[in-house]
Amino acid sequence: MIRHTVAFRLKHAPGSAAERDFLQAACELAKIAGVQKFECLRQTSAKAPFTFGLSMEFADAEAYAFYSNHPDHTGFVQQRWIPEVAEFMEIDYVPHTP
């Protein structure tokens, strides 16, 4: 299992229609085959500069690669993410077994 996460801050004003539209478009990524446990999250701590997060899981590296290369994902990155995200941090996890 791979958990793909990204924390980000948008260029849009908080609560704006543009912010809502971006988040709605981001949630459409959940429809790509292989995406599991998709969540769109609002950050609540003042300790980080990010305001939102996306989290999703994939059964394996093949499913994650399918998502990464899917035209809906690559189109979202080019048309929405790059122009509208001010700052982000991406982290991918696999379960740790001591």
Protein backbone atom coordinates (compact mmCIF):
# COMPACT_ATOMS: atom_id res chain seq x y z
CA MET A 1 0.00 0.00 0.00
CA ILE A 2 1.13 3.54 -0.80
CA ARG A 3 -0.42 6.58 0.85
CA HIS A 4 0.03 9.67 -1.29
CA THR A 5 -0.36 12.97 0.56
CA VAL A 6 0.08 16.59 -0.36
CA ALA A 7 -0.31 19.67 1.85
CA PHE A 8 -0.79 22.97 0.04
CA ARG A 9 -1.77 26.62 0.12
CA LEU A 10 -3.74 28.19 -2.71
CA LYS A 11 -3.24 31.60 -4.31
CA HIS A 12 -6.99 32.23 -3.92
CA ALA A 13 -8.63 34.20 -1.14
CA PRO A 14 -9.93 32.01 1.71
CA GLY A 15 -13.59 31.14 1.24
CA SER A 16 -13.65 32.44 -2.33
CA ALA A 17 -15.49 30.85 -5.23
CA ALA A 18 -12.11 30.20 -6.86
CA GLU A 19 -10.98 28.27 -3.78
CA ARG A 20 -14.18 26.18 -3.75
CA ASP A 21 -13.88 25.52 -7.50
CA PHE A 22 -10.28 24.33 -7.14
CA LEU A 23 -11.14 21.98 -4.27
CA GLN A 24 -14.10 20.58 -6.18
CA ALA A 25 -11.86 19.93 -9.19
CA ALA A 26 -9.27 18.27 -6.93
CA CYS A 27 -11.94 15.93 -5.54
CA GLU A 28 -12.63 14.69 -9.07
CA LEU A 29 -9.25 12.91 -8.89
CA ALA A 30 -10.93 10.38 -6.60
CA LYS A 31 -12.71 8.98 -9.67
CA ILE A 32 -9.47 7.73 -11.25
CA ALA A 33 -9.26 3.94 -11.11
CA GLY A 34 -7.09 2.67 -8.27
CA VAL A 35 -7.62 5.65 -5.96
CA GLN A 36 -8.74 4.49 -2.52
CA LYS A 37 -9.64 6.36 0.69
CA PHE A 38 -9.48 9.78 -0.97
CA GLU A 39 -9.78 12.72 1.43
CA CYS A 40 -9.72 16.47 0.93
CA LEU A 41 -8.69 18.02 4.23
CA ARG A 42 -8.56 21.48 5.79
CA GLN A 43 -5.44 22.09 7.89
CA THR A 44 -6.19 23.46 11.38
CA SER A 45 -2.80 23.98 12.99
CA ALA A 46 -0.99 27.31 12.97
CA LYS A 47 2.32 25.38 12.92
CA ALA A 48 2.37 24.93 9.13
CA PRO A 49 1.92 27.36 6.24
CA PHE A 50 -0.49 25.05 4.38
CA THR A 51 -4.28 25.33 4.45
CA PHE A 52 -5.41 22.13 2.71
CA GLY A 53 -4.36 18.56 2.19
CA LEU A 54 -5.18 15.68 -0.10
CA SER A 55 -4.67 12.09 0.99
CA MET A 56 -5.30 8.90 -0.93
CA GLU A 57 -4.16 5.31 -0.96
CA PHE A 58 -3.12 2.92 -3.71
CA ALA A 59 -2.89 -0.85 -3.49
CA ASP A 60 0.61 -0.89 -4.97
CA ALA A 61 3.19 0.98 -7.05
CA GLU A 62 1.45 -0.03 -10.27
CA ALA A 63 -1.84 1.59 -9.18
CA TYR A 64 0.05 4.72 -8.07
CA ALA A 65 1.86 4.93 -11.41
CA PHE A 66 -1.45 4.54 -13.26
CA TYR A 67 -2.87 7.49 -11.28
CA SER A 68 0.26 9.62 -11.74
CA ASN A 69 0.21 9.15 -15.51
CA HIS A 70 -3.57 9.31 -15.96
CA PRO A 71 -4.66 12.15 -18.28
CA ASP A 72 -7.13 13.47 -15.68
CA HIS A 73 -4.31 13.80 -13.14
CA THR A 74 -1.71 15.24 -15.51
CA GLY A 75 -4.30 17.67 -16.92
CA PHE A 76 -5.26 18.79 -13.40
CA VAL A 77 -1.61 19.38 -12.53
CA GLN A 78 -0.97 21.45 -15.66
CA GLN A 79 -4.25 23.35 -15.83
CA ARG A 80 -5.08 23.87 -12.15
CA TRP A 81 -2.29 22.86 -9.74
CA ILE A 82 0.64 24.75 -11.26
CA PRO A 83 -1.22 28.04 -11.81
CA GLU A 84 -3.29 28.02 -8.60
CA VAL A 85 -1.12 26.50 -5.84
CA ALA A 86 1.18 28.91 -4.05
CA GLU A 87 3.16 26.36 -2.03
CA PHE A 88 3.03 22.62 -1.32
CA MET A 89 4.74 19.63 0.19
CA GLU A 90 4.22 16.10 -1.11
CA ILE A 91 4.93 12.96 0.89
CA ASP A 92 4.30 9.35 -0.05
CA TYR A 93 4.26 6.66 2.61
CA VAL A 94 4.35 2.89 2.83
CA PRO A 95 3.52 1.05 6.06
CA HIS A 96 6.46 0.60 8.38
CA THR A 97 6.83 -2.73 10.07
CA PRO A 98 9.46 -2.77 12.81
